[in-house]
PDB file of N, CA and C in Angstrom:
ATOM      1  N   UNK A   1       0.633  -1.434   0.294  1.00  0.00           N
ATOM      2  CA  UNK A   1      -0.300   0.085   0.038  1.00  0.00           C
ATOM      3  C   UNK A   1       0.646   1.735  -0.389  1.00  0.00           C
ATOM      4  N   UNK A   2       2.227   1.107   0.575  1.00  0.00           N
ATOM      5  CA  UNK A   2       3.049   2.264   0.504  1.00  0.00           C
ATOM      6  C   UNK A   2       3.377   2.797  -0.398  1.00  0.00           C
ATOM      7  N   UNK A   3       4.035   2.127  -1.257  1.00  0.00           N
ATOM      8  CA  UNK A   3       3.955   2.006  -2.640  1.00  0.00           C
ATOM      9  C   UNK A   3       2.900   2.336  -3.783  1.00  0.00           C
ATOM     10  N   UNK A   4       2.069   1.854  -3.923  1.00  0.00           N
ATOM     11  CA  UNK A   4       0.373   2.461  -4.209  1.00  0.00           C
ATOM     12  C   UNK A   4       0.377   3.577  -3.849  1.00  0.00           C
ATOM     13  N   UNK A   5       0.521   3.970  -2.842  1.00  0.00           N
ATOM     14  CA  UNK A   5      -0.212   5.064  -2.476  1.00  0.00           C
ATOM     15  C   UNK A   5       0.658   6.335  -2.730  1.00  0.00           C
ATOM     16  N   UNK A   6       2.267   6.511  -2.655  1.00  0.00           N
ATOM     17  CA  UNK A   6       3.163   7.337  -2.866  1.00  0.00           C
ATOM     18  C   UNK A   6       2.771   8.223  -4.235  1.00  0.00           C
ATOM     19  N   UNK A   7       2.477   7.761  -5.293  1.00  0.00           N
ATOM     20  CA  UNK A   7       2.753   8.890  -6.436  1.00  0.00           C
ATOM     21  C   UNK A   7       1.511   9.705  -5.805  1.00  0.00           C
ATOM     22  N   UNK A   8       0.367   9.352  -5.301  1.00  0.00           N
ATOM     23  CA  UNK A   8      -0.618  10.629  -5.184  1.00  0.00           C
ATOM     24  C   UNK A   8      -0.852  11.671  -4.076  1.00  0.00           C
ATOM     25  N   UNK A   9       0.382  11.251  -3.608  1.00  0.00           N
ATOM     26  CA  UNK A   9       0.775  12.324  -2.532  1.00  0.00           C
ATOM     27  C   UNK A   9       2.134  13.035  -2.527  1.00  0.00           C
ATOM     28  N   UNK A  10       3.072  12.735  -4.054  1.00  0.00           N
ATOM     29  CA  UNK A  10       4.247  13.038  -3.893  1.00  0.00           C
ATOM     30  C   UNK A  10       4.607  14.804  -4.089  1.00  0.00           C
ATOM     31  N   UNK A  11       3.429  15.431  -4.550  1.00  0.00           N
ATOM     32  CA  UNK A  11       3.310  16.793  -4.635  1.00  0.00           C
ATOM     33  C   UNK A  11       2.905  17.531  -3.513  1.00  0.00           C
ATOM     34  N   UNK A  12       2.374  16.782  -2.574  1.00  0.00           N
ATOM     35  CA  UNK A  12       2.248  17.557  -1.081  1.00  0.00           C
ATOM     36  C   UNK A  12       3.053  17.290   0.086  1.00  0.00           C
ATOM     37  N   UNK A  13       3.730  15.919  -0.409  1.00  0.00           N
ATOM     38  CA  UNK A  13       4.480  15.613   0.408  1.00  0.00           C
ATOM     39  C   UNK A  13       5.724  14.898  -0.386  1.00  0.00           C
ATOM     40  N   UNK A  14       7.170  15.885  -0.952  1.00  0.00           N
ATOM     41  CA  UNK A  14       7.840  15.528  -2.136  1.00  0.00           C
ATOM     42  C   UNK A  14       9.119  14.677  -1.247  1.00  0.00           C
ATOM     43  N   UNK A  15       9.467  14.743  -0.106  1.00  0.00           N
ATOM     44  CA  UNK A  15      10.647  13.844   1.005  1.00  0.00           C
ATOM     45  C   UNK A  15      10.066  12.584   1.142  1.00  0.00           C
ATOM     46  N   UNK A  16      10.576  11.611   0.701  1.00  0.00           N
ATOM     47  CA  UNK A  16      10.107  10.725   1.248  1.00  0.00           C
ATOM     48  C   UNK A  16      10.177  10.314   2.631  1.00  0.00           C
ATOM     49  N   UNK A  17      10.870  10.650   3.304  1.00  0.00           N
ATOM     50  CA  UNK A  17      11.206  10.422   4.923  1.00  0.00           C
ATOM     51  C   UNK A  17       9.833  10.945   5.237  1.00  0.00           C
ATOM     52  N   UNK A  18       9.563  12.222   4.624  1.00  0.00           N
ATOM     53  CA  UNK A  18       8.167  12.970   5.516  1.00  0.00           C
ATOM     54  C   UNK A  18       6.843  11.742   5.309  1.00  0.00           C
ATOM     55  N   UNK A  19       6.969  11.703   4.150  1.00  0.00           N
ATOM     56  CA  UNK A  19       5.817  10.584   3.486  1.00  0.00           C
ATOM     57  C   UNK A  19       5.847   9.010   4.336  1.00  0.00           C
ATOM     58  N   UNK A  20       7.183   8.952   4.361  1.00  0.00           N
ATOM     59  CA  UNK A  20       7.366   7.590   5.347  1.00  0.00           C
ATOM     60  C   UNK A  20       6.563   7.676   6.659  1.00  0.00           C
ATOM     61  N   UNK A  21       6.701   9.267   7.649  1.00  0.00           N
ATOM     62  CA  UNK A  21       6.769   9.608   9.137  1.00  0.00           C
ATOM     63  C   UNK A  21       4.741   9.346   8.427  1.00  0.00           C
ATOM     64  N   UNK A  22       4.198  10.277   7.522  1.00  0.00           N
ATOM     65  CA  UNK A  22       2.984  10.012   7.836  1.00  0.00           C
ATOM     66  C   UNK A  22       2.623   9.326   7.411  1.00  0.00           C
ATOM     67  N   UNK A  23       2.760   7.695   6.086  1.00  0.00           N
ATOM     68  CA  UNK A  23       2.207   6.883   6.283  1.00  0.00           C
ATOM     69  C   UNK A  23       2.188   6.193   7.669  1.00  0.00           C
ATOM     70  N   UNK A  24       3.430   5.834   8.413  1.00  0.00           N
ATOM     71  CA  UNK A  24       3.473   5.051   9.914  1.00  0.00           C
ATOM     72  C   UNK A  24       2.543   5.689  11.069  1.00  0.00           C
ATOM     73  N   UNK A  25       2.781   6.815  10.200  1.00  0.00           N
ATOM     74  CA  UNK A  25       1.274   7.353  11.714  1.00  0.00           C
ATOM     75  C   UNK A  25      -0.225   6.922  11.317  1.00  0.00           C
ATOM     76  N   UNK A  26      -0.716   6.954  10.123  1.00  0.00           N
ATOM     77  CA  UNK A  26      -1.815   6.461   9.466  1.00  0.00           C
ATOM     78  C   UNK A  26      -2.083   5.387   9.652  1.00  0.00           C
ATOM     79  N   UNK A  27      -1.210   4.370   9.594  1.00  0.00           N
ATOM     80  CA  UNK A  27      -1.179   2.935  10.222  1.00  0.00           C
ATOM     81  C   UNK A  27      -1.420   2.877  11.343  1.00  0.00           C
ATOM     82  N   UNK A  28      -0.640   3.549  12.206  1.00  0.00           N
ATOM     83  CA  UNK A  28      -0.588   3.434  13.810  1.00  0.00           C
ATOM     84  C   UNK A  28      -2.185   3.774  14.397  1.00  0.00           C
ATOM     85  N   UNK A  29      -2.610   5.206  13.419  1.00  0.00           N
ATOM     86  CA  UNK A  29      -3.463   5.434  13.983  1.00  0.00           C
ATOM     87  C   UNK A  29      -4.650   4.558  13.392  1.00  0.00           C
ATOM     88  N   UNK A  30      -4.854   3.927  12.631  1.00  0.00           N
ATOM     89  CA  UNK A  30      -5.783   3.532  11.948  1.00  0.00           C
ATOM     90  C   UNK A  30      -5.898   1.529  12.441  1.00  0.00           C
ATOM     91  N   UNK A  31      -4.468   1.775  13.370  1.00  0.00           N
ATOM     92  CA  UNK A  31      -4.940   0.525  14.401  1.00  0.00           C
ATOM     93  C   UNK A  31      -5.230   0.624  15.863  1.00  0.00           C
ATOM     94  N   UNK A  32      -4.943   2.097  16.258  1.00  0.00           N
ATOM     95  CA  UNK A  32      -5.222   2.269  17.631  1.00  0.00           C
ATOM     96  C   UNK A  32      -6.852   2.770  17.541  1.00  0.00           C
ATOM     97  N   UNK A  33      -7.427   3.191  16.146  1.00  0.00           N
ATOM     98  CA  UNK A  33      -9.219   3.356  16.108  1.00  0.00           C
ATOM     99  C   UNK A  33      -9.425   1.802  16.110  1.00  0.00           C
ATOM    100  N   UNK A  34      -8.943   0.955  15.451  1.00  0.00           N
ATOM    101  CA  UNK A  34      -9.709  -0.289  15.231  1.00  0.00           C
ATOM    102  C   UNK A  34      -9.569  -0.833  16.400  1.00  0.00           C
ATOM    103  N   UNK A  35      -8.420  -0.562  17.330  1.00  0.00           N
ATOM    104  CA  UNK A  35      -8.793  -1.421  18.542  1.00  0.00           C
ATOM    105  C   UNK A  35      -9.555  -0.798  19.505  1.00  0.00           C
ATOM    106  N   UNK A  36      -9.876   0.509  19.343  1.00  0.00           N
ATOM    107  CA  UNK A  36     -11.401   1.101  20.342  1.00  0.00           C
ATOM    108  C   UNK A  36     -12.240   0.965  19.674  1.00  0.00           C
ATOM    109  N   UNK A  37     -12.489   0.614  18.678  1.00  0.00           N
ATOM    110  CA  UNK A  37     -14.142   0.093  18.177  1.00  0.00           C
ATOM    111  C   UNK A  37     -13.844  -1.459  17.975  1.00  0.00           C
ATOM    112  N   UNK A  38     -12.941  -2.155  18.386  1.00  0.00           N
ATOM    113  CA  UNK A  38     -13.663  -3.957  18.633  1.00  0.00           C
ATOM    114  C   UNK A  38     -12.717  -4.251  19.916  1.00  0.00           C
ATOM    115  N   UNK A  39     -12.417  -3.460  20.612  1.00  0.00           N
ATOM    116  CA  UNK A  39     -12.174  -3.839  21.932  1.00  0.00           C
ATOM    117  C   UNK A  39     -13.561  -4.236  22.884  1.00  0.00           C
ATOM    118  N   UNK A  40     -12.815  -5.748  23.353  1.00  0.00           N
ATOM    119  CA  UNK A  40     -13.947  -6.368  23.948  1.00  0.00           C
ATOM    120  C   UNK A  40     -13.191  -7.435  25.645  1.00  0.00           C
ATOM    121  N   UNK A  41     -13.845  -6.305  26.325  1.00  0.00           N
ATOM    122  CA  UNK A  41     -13.319  -6.986  27.736  1.00  0.00           C
ATOM    123  C   UNK A  41     -13.247  -8.265  27.850  1.00  0.00           C
ATOM    124  N   UNK A  42     -12.195  -8.850  28.403  1.00  0.00           N
ATOM    125  CA  UNK A  42     -12.318 -10.615  28.184  1.00  0.00           C
ATOM    126  C   UNK A  42     -11.904 -11.348  27.128  1.00  0.00           C
ATOM    127  N   UNK A  43     -12.111 -10.817  25.678  1.00  0.00           N
ATOM    128  CA  UNK A  43     -12.057 -11.445  24.904  1.00  0.00           C
ATOM    129  C   UNK A  43     -10.702 -11.099  24.282  1.00  0.00           C
ATOM    130  N   UNK A  44     -10.012 -12.146  23.429  1.00  0.00           N
ATOM    131  CA  UNK A  44      -8.706 -12.258  22.994  1.00  0.00           C
ATOM    132  C   UNK A  44      -8.583 -10.818  22.410  1.00  0.00           C
ATOM    133  N   UNK A  45      -7.593  -9.830  22.122  1.00  0.00           N
ATOM    134  CA  UNK A  45      -7.308  -9.028  21.277  1.00  0.00           C
ATOM    135  C   UNK A  45      -6.399  -9.137  20.207  1.00  0.00           C
ATOM    136  N   UNK A  46      -6.728  -8.572  19.367  1.00  0.00           N
ATOM    137  CA  UNK A  46      -6.271  -8.386  18.123  1.00  0.00           C
ATOM    138  C   UNK A  46      -6.014  -7.095  17.278  1.00  0.00           C
ATOM    139  N   UNK A  47      -5.226  -6.260  16.692  1.00  0.00           N
ATOM    140  CA  UNK A  47      -5.105  -5.735  15.834  1.00  0.00           C
ATOM    141  C   UNK A  47      -4.231  -5.280  14.782  1.00  0.00           C
ATOM    142  N   UNK A  48      -4.742  -5.102  13.839  1.00  0.00           N
ATOM    143  CA  UNK A  48      -3.856  -4.689  12.303  1.00  0.00           C
ATOM    144  C   UNK A  48      -2.607  -4.291  12.848  1.00  0.00           C
ATOM    145  N   UNK A  49      -1.380  -4.290  12.379  1.00  0.00           N
ATOM    146  CA  UNK A  49       0.027  -3.753  12.466  1.00  0.00           C
ATOM    147  C   UNK A  49       0.217  -3.793  11.142  1.00  0.00           C
ATOM    148  N   UNK A  50       1.335  -2.476  10.852  1.00  0.00           N
ATOM    149  CA  UNK A  50       1.724  -2.221   9.549  1.00  0.00           C
ATOM    150  C   UNK A  50       3.401  -1.664   9.862  1.00  0.00           C
ATOM    151  N   UNK A  51       3.876  -1.506   8.636  1.00  0.00           N
ATOM    152  CA  UNK A  51       5.150  -1.540   8.146  1.00  0.00           C
ATOM    153  C   UNK A  51       5.402  -0.969   9.623  1.00  0.00           C
ATOM    154  N   UNK A  52       5.304   0.276  10.299  1.00  0.00           N
ATOM    155  CA  UNK A  52       5.828   1.059  11.771  1.00  0.00           C
ATOM    156  C   UNK A  52       6.224   0.158  12.684  1.00  0.00           C
ATOM    157  N   UNK A  53       5.422  -1.335  12.727  1.00  0.00           N
ATOM    158  CA  UNK A  53       5.789  -2.447  13.373  1.00  0.00           C
ATOM    159  C   UNK A  53       7.217  -2.784  13.537  1.00  0.00           C
ATOM    160  N   UNK A  54       7.620  -3.132  12.236  1.00  0.00           N
ATOM    161  CA  UNK A  54       8.896  -3.529  12.255  1.00  0.00           C
ATOM    162  C   UNK A  54      10.212  -2.893  12.373  1.00  0.00           C
ATOM    163  N   UNK A  55       9.783  -1.027  12.340  1.00  0.00           N
ATOM    164  CA  UNK A  55      10.790  -0.189  12.710  1.00  0.00           C
ATOM    165  C   UNK A  55      11.316  -0.452  13.931  1.00  0.00           C
ATOM    166  N   UNK A  56      10.998  -1.271  14.950  1.00  0.00           N
ATOM    167  CA  UNK A  56      12.263  -1.199  16.316  1.00  0.00           C
ATOM    168  C   UNK A  56      12.096  -0.305  17.527  1.00  0.00           C
ATOM    169  N   UNK A  57      10.982   0.001  17.993  1.00  0.00           N
ATOM    170  CA  UNK A  57      11.231   0.888  19.133  1.00  0.00           C
ATOM    171  C   UNK A  57      12.199   0.412  19.877  1.00  0.00           C
ATOM    172  N   UNK A  58      12.956  -0.536  19.997  1.00  0.00           N
ATOM    173  CA  UNK A  58      13.513  -0.726  21.080  1.00  0.00           C
ATOM    174  C   UNK A  58      14.936  -0.463  20.518  1.00  0.00           C
ATOM    175  N   UNK A  59      14.891   0.418  19.162  1.00  0.00           N
ATOM    176  CA  UNK A  59      16.442   0.546  18.506  1.00  0.00           C
ATOM    177  C   UNK A  59      15.995   2.461  18.415  1.00  0.00           C
ATOM    178  N   UNK A  60      14.988   2.693  18.400  1.00  0.00           N
ATOM    179  CA  UNK A  60      14.665   4.208  18.399  1.00  0.00           C
ATOM    180  C   UNK A  60      13.927   4.597  19.060  1.00  0.00           C
ATOM    181  N   UNK A  61      13.877   4.495  20.198  1.00  0.00           N
ATOM    182  CA  UNK A  61      12.367   4.394  20.907  1.00  0.00           C
ATOM    183  C   UNK A  61      11.972   6.233  20.631  1.00  0.00           C
ATOM    184  N   UNK A  62      13.042   6.890  20.836  1.00  0.00           N
ATOM    185  CA  UNK A  62      12.744   8.526  20.879  1.00  0.00           C
ATOM    186  C   UNK A  62      12.125   9.207  19.064  1.00  0.00           C
ATOM    187  N   UNK A  63      11.841   7.936  18.443  1.00  0.00           N
ATOM    188  CA  UNK A  63      11.676   7.921  16.835  1.00  0.00           C
ATOM    189  C   UNK A  63      10.441   7.393  16.353  1.00  0.00           C
ATOM    190  N   UNK A  64      10.231   6.682  17.533  1.00  0.00           N
ATOM    191  CA  UNK A  64       8.968   5.410  17.013  1.00  0.00           C
ATOM    192  C   UNK A  64       7.608   6.214  16.728  1.00  0.00           C
ATOM    193  N   UNK A  65       6.908   6.153  16.123  1.00  0.00           N
ATOM    194  CA  UNK A  65       5.341   6.793  15.812  1.00  0.00           C
ATOM    195  C   UNK A  65       4.566   6.720  17.395  1.00  0.00           C
ATOM    196  N   UNK A  66       4.377   5.591  18.325  1.00  0.00           N
ATOM    197  CA  UNK A  66       3.949   5.586  19.020  1.00  0.00           C
ATOM    198  C   UNK A  66       4.638   6.330  20.337  1.00  0.00           C
ATOM    199  N   UNK A  67       5.678   6.851  20.423  1.00  0.00           N
ATOM    200  CA  UNK A  67       5.869   7.804  21.150  1.00  0.00           C
ATOM    201  C   UNK A  67       5.438   9.254  21.138  1.00  0.00           C
ATOM    202  N   UNK A  68       5.568   9.284  19.474  1.00  0.00           N
ATOM    203  CA  UNK A  68       5.275  10.736  19.211  1.00  0.00           C
ATOM    204  C   UNK A  68       3.758  10.779  19.731  1.00  0.00           C
ATOM    205  N   UNK A  69       2.833   9.772  19.935  1.00  0.00           N
ATOM    206  CA  UNK A  69       1.767  10.015  19.470  1.00  0.00           C
ATOM    207  C   UNK A  69       1.810  10.146  21.482  1.00  0.00           C
ATOM    208  N   UNK A  70       2.001   9.216  22.017  1.00  0.00           N
ATOM    209  CA  UNK A  70       2.045   9.564  23.262  1.00  0.00           C
ATOM    210  C   UNK A  70       2.285  10.998  23.847  1.00  0.00           C
ATOM    211  N   UNK A  71       3.563  11.445  22.900  1.00  0.00           N
ATOM    212  CA  UNK A  71       3.716  12.976  23.702  1.00  0.00           C
ATOM    213  C   UNK A  71       2.630  14.142  23.043  1.00  0.00           C
ATOM    214  N   UNK A  72       2.075  13.574  22.233  1.00  0.00           N
ATOM    215  CA  UNK A  72       0.566  14.747  21.635  1.00  0.00           C
ATOM    216  C   UNK A  72      -0.545  14.226  22.461  1.00  0.00           C
ATOM    217  N   UNK A  73      -0.646  13.287  23.300  1.00  0.00           N
ATOM    218  CA  UNK A  73      -1.580  13.290  23.793  1.00  0.00           C
ATOM    219  C   UNK A  73      -1.521  13.389  25.060  1.00  0.00           C
ATOM    220  N   UNK A  74      -0.298  13.582  25.668  1.00  0.00           N
ATOM    221  CA  UNK A  74       0.304  14.091  26.959  1.00  0.00           C
ATOM    222  C   UNK A  74      -0.358  15.630  26.576  1.00  0.00           C
ATOM    223  N   UNK A  75       0.435  16.668  25.632  1.00  0.00           N
ATOM    224  CA  UNK A  75       0.064  17.606  25.363  1.00  0.00           C
ATOM    225  C   UNK A  75      -0.880  18.106  24.932  1.00  0.00           C
ATOM    226  N   UNK A  76      -2.069  17.377  24.201  1.00  0.00           N
ATOM    227  CA  UNK A  76      -3.356  17.740  23.948  1.00  0.00           C
ATOM    228  C   UNK A  76      -4.341  17.728  25.052  1.00  0.00           C
ATOM    229  N   UNK A  77      -4.153  16.804  25.757  1.00  0.00           N
ATOM    230  CA  UNK A  77      -5.361  15.564  26.501  1.00  0.00           C
ATOM    231  C   UNK A  77      -6.473  15.594  25.727  1.00  0.00           C
ATOM    232  N   UNK A  78      -7.994  15.966  26.298  1.00  0.00           N
ATOM    233  CA  UNK A  78      -9.314  15.973  25.743  1.00  0.00           C
ATOM    234  C   UNK A  78      -9.070  16.879  24.477  1.00  0.00           C
ATOM    235  N   UNK A  79      -8.177  17.366  24.317  1.00  0.00           N
ATOM    236  CA  UNK A  79      -7.984  18.021  23.031  1.00  0.00           C
ATOM    237  C   UNK A  79      -7.784  17.693  21.526  1.00  0.00           C
ATOM    238  N   UNK A  80      -6.925  16.360  21.930  1.00  0.00           N
ATOM    239  CA  UNK A  80      -6.213  15.793  20.833  1.00  0.00           C
ATOM    240  C   UNK A  80      -7.697  15.197  19.847  1.00  0.00           C
ATOM    241  N   UNK A  81      -7.184  15.451  18.561  1.00  0.00           N
ATOM    242  CA  UNK A  81      -8.506  15.418  17.601  1.00  0.00           C
ATOM    243  C   UNK A  81      -9.150  13.778  17.478  1.00  0.00           C
ATOM    244  N   UNK A  82      -8.595  12.992  17.873  1.00  0.00           N
ATOM    245  CA  UNK A  82      -9.378  11.780  17.564  1.00  0.00           C
ATOM    246  C   UNK A  82     -10.510  11.338  19.151  1.00  0.00           C
ATOM    247  N   UNK A  83     -10.668  12.204  20.226  1.00  0.00           N
ATOM    248  CA  UNK A  83     -11.147  12.348  20.908  1.00  0.00           C
ATOM    249  C   UNK A  83     -11.555  13.902  20.792  1.00  0.00           C
ATOM    250  N   UNK A  84     -11.381  14.525  20.576  1.00  0.00           N
ATOM    251  CA  UNK A  84     -12.317  15.738  20.721  1.00  0.00           C
ATOM    252  C   UNK A  84     -13.508  15.046  19.615  1.00  0.00           C
ATOM    253  N   UNK A  85     -13.072  14.157  18.588  1.00  0.00           N
ATOM    254  CA  UNK A  85     -14.635  14.226  17.466  1.00  0.00           C
ATOM    255  C   UNK A  85     -15.175  12.795  17.756  1.00  0.00           C
ATOM    256  N   UNK A  86     -15.263  12.459  19.135  1.00  0.00           N
ATOM    257  CA  UNK A  86     -15.645  11.471  19.112  1.00  0.00           C
ATOM    258  C   UNK A  86     -15.101  10.104  19.440  1.00  0.00           C
ATOM    259  N   UNK A  87     -14.011   9.990  19.344  1.00  0.00           N
ATOM    260  CA  UNK A  87     -13.521   8.148  19.394  1.00  0.00           C
ATOM    261  C   UNK A  87     -13.214   8.020  20.999  1.00  0.00           C
ATOM    262  N   UNK A  88     -12.928   7.314  21.243  1.00  0.00           N
ATOM    263  CA  UNK A  88     -12.146   6.692  22.579  1.00  0.00           C
ATOM    264  C   UNK A  88     -13.150   7.110  23.778  1.00  0.00           C
ATOM    265  N   UNK A  89     -14.409   6.942  23.390  1.00  0.00           N
ATOM    266  CA  UNK A  89     -15.807   7.559  24.303  1.00  0.00           C
ATOM    267  C   UNK A  89     -15.336   8.778  24.525  1.00  0.00           C
ATOM    268  N   UNK A  90     -14.516  10.048  23.863  1.00  0.00           N
ATOM    269  CA  UNK A  90     -14.198  11.194  24.352  1.00  0.00           C
ATOM    270  C   UNK A  90     -13.701  11.434  25.679  1.00  0.00           C
ATOM    271  N   UNK A  91     -12.707  10.116  25.671  1.00  0.00           N
ATOM    272  CA  UNK A  91     -11.745  10.008  27.164  1.00  0.00           C
ATOM    273  C   UNK A  91     -10.314  10.153  26.629  1.00  0.00           C
ATOM    274  N   UNK A  92      -9.705  10.508  27.666  1.00  0.00           N
ATOM    275  CA  UNK A  92      -8.484  10.436  27.447  1.00  0.00           C
ATOM    276  C   UNK A  92      -7.833   9.131  28.295  1.00  0.00           C
ATOM    277  N   UNK A  93      -8.454   8.714  29.068  1.00  0.00           N
ATOM    278  CA  UNK A  93      -8.298   7.458  30.246  1.00  0.00           C
ATOM    279  C   UNK A  93      -8.301   6.243  29.057  1.00  0.00           C
ATOM    280  N   UNK A  94      -9.798   6.617  28.549  1.00  0.00           N
ATOM    281  CA  UNK A  94     -10.088   5.211  27.572  1.00  0.00           C
ATOM    282  C   UNK A  94      -8.688   5.272  26.247  1.00  0.00           C
ATOM    283  N   UNK A  95      -8.445   6.304  25.548  1.00  0.00           N
ATOM    284  CA  UNK A  95      -7.810   6.526  25.128  1.00  0.00           C
ATOM    285  C   UNK A  95      -6.155   5.564  25.453  1.00  0.00           C
ATOM    286  N   UNK A  96      -5.738   6.134  27.167  1.00  0.00           N
ATOM    287  CA  UNK A  96      -5.107   5.870  27.209  1.00  0.00           C
ATOM    288  C   UNK A  96      -4.329   4.123  27.485  1.00  0.00           C
ATOM    289  N   UNK A  97      -5.892   3.839  27.866  1.00  0.00           N
ATOM    290  CA  UNK A  97      -5.926   2.067  28.122  1.00  0.00           C
ATOM    291  C   UNK A  97      -6.112   1.450  26.325  1.00  0.00           C
ATOM    292  N   UNK A  98      -6.937   1.619  25.846  1.00  0.00           N
ATOM    293  CA  UNK A  98      -6.445   1.143  24.698  1.00  0.00           C
ATOM    294  C   UNK A  98      -5.351   1.577  23.248  1.00  0.00           C
ATOM    295  N   UNK A  99      -4.341   2.429  24.142  1.00  0.00           N
ATOM    296  CA  UNK A  99      -2.870   2.525  23.508  1.00  0.00           C
ATOM    297  C   UNK A  99      -2.258   1.733  24.146  1.00  0.00           C
ATOM    298  N   UNK A 100      -2.182   1.172  25.445  1.00  0.00           N
ATOM    299  CA  UNK A 100      -1.280   0.313  26.517  1.00  0.00           C
ATOM    300  C   UNK A 100      -1.669  -0.946  25.934  1.00  0.00           C
ATOM    301  N   UNK A 101      -2.973  -1.111  25.360  1.00  0.00           N
ATOM    302  CA  UNK A 101      -3.394  -2.306  25.255  1.00  0.00           C
ATOM    303  C   UNK A 101      -3.039  -2.728  23.776  1.00  0.00           C
ATOM    304  N   UNK A 102      -2.676  -1.912  22.581  1.00  0.00           N
ATOM    305  CA  UNK A 102      -2.256  -2.165  21.543  1.00  0.00           C
ATOM    306  C   UNK A 102      -0.659  -2.347  21.373  1.00  0.00           C
ATOM    307  N   UNK A 103      -0.107  -1.697  22.456  1.00  0.00           N
ATOM    308  CA  UNK A 103       1.240  -1.569  22.780  1.00  0.00           C
ATOM    309  C   UNK A 103       1.791  -3.008  23.367  1.00  0.00           C
ATOM    310  N   UNK A 104       1.546  -3.053  24.245  1.00  0.00           N
ATOM    311  CA  UNK A 104       1.270  -4.443  24.795  1.00  0.00           C
ATOM    312  C   UNK A 104       1.308  -5.791  23.749  1.00  0.00           C
ATOM    313  N   UNK A 105      -0.085  -5.239  22.764  1.00  0.00           N
ATOM    314  CA  UNK A 105      -0.011  -6.545  21.997  1.00  0.00           C
ATOM    315  C   UNK A 105       1.033  -6.338  20.938  1.00  0.00           C
ATOM    316  N   UNK A 106       1.182  -5.152  20.350  1.00  0.00           N
ATOM    317  CA  UNK A 106       2.629  -5.481  19.599  1.00  0.00           C
ATOM    318  C   UNK A 106       3.765  -5.881  20.211  1.00  0.00           C
ATOM    319  N   UNK A 107       4.180  -5.753  21.496  1.00  0.00           N
ATOM    320  CA  UNK A 107       5.647  -6.128  22.233  1.00  0.00           C
ATOM    321  C   UNK A 107       5.322  -7.530  22.173  1.00  0.00           C
ATOM    322  N   UNK A 108       4.029  -8.304  22.767  1.00  0.00           N
ATOM    323  CA  UNK A 108       4.174  -9.633  22.844  1.00  0.00           C
ATOM    324  C   UNK A 108       4.120 -10.598  21.670  1.00  0.00           C
ATOM    325  N   UNK A 109       4.035  -9.655  20.411  1.00  0.00           N
ATOM    326  CA  UNK A 109       4.587 -10.243  19.219  1.00  0.00           C
ATOM    327  C   UNK A 109       5.934  -9.927  18.910  1.00  0.00           C
ATOM    328  N   UNK A 110       6.328  -9.445  19.258  1.00  0.00           N
ATOM    329  CA  UNK A 110       7.432  -9.068  18.826  1.00  0.00           C
ATOM    330  C   UNK A 110       7.378  -8.087  17.469  1.00  0.00           C
ATOM    331  N   UNK A 111       6.173  -7.355  17.253  1.00  0.00           N
ATOM    332  CA  UNK A 111       6.177  -6.753  15.969  1.00  0.00           C
ATOM    333  C   UNK A 111       7.447  -5.683  15.879  1.00  0.00           C
ATOM    334  N   UNK A 112       6.575  -4.533  17.298  1.00  0.00           N
ATOM    335  CA  UNK A 112       7.098  -2.948  17.293  1.00  0.00           C
ATOM    336  C   UNK A 112       8.405  -2.754  18.249  1.00  0.00           C
ATOM    337  N   UNK A 113       8.923  -4.346  19.240  1.00  0.00           N
ATOM    338  CA  UNK A 113       9.400  -4.104  19.549  1.00  0.00           C
ATOM    339  C   UNK A 113      10.214  -5.260  19.700  1.00  0.00           C
TER     340      UNK A 113
END
């Protein structure tokens, strides 16, 4: 998908490194939203992963998209766009819970960590 979409964004995101960042962000947010919408207590958790998953949080934690999202949530709180527009039951606590569940899932499967 990364390669298929690249030509459509080349004019507005000319740098490959910028495109890669935004693509990772898209995939991570997609997984996060999927997790929010499909989370069921006491059910087996699963979420889709993307290319961000193999980019090794253990090697470059400060640059991993998960950590960048953490900083945004910390800074914006209830005004973080996905909360503001109704996801995560408009709750920072729910977002933090779902995000931790998602990140733990990736860690346990060795994808992002």
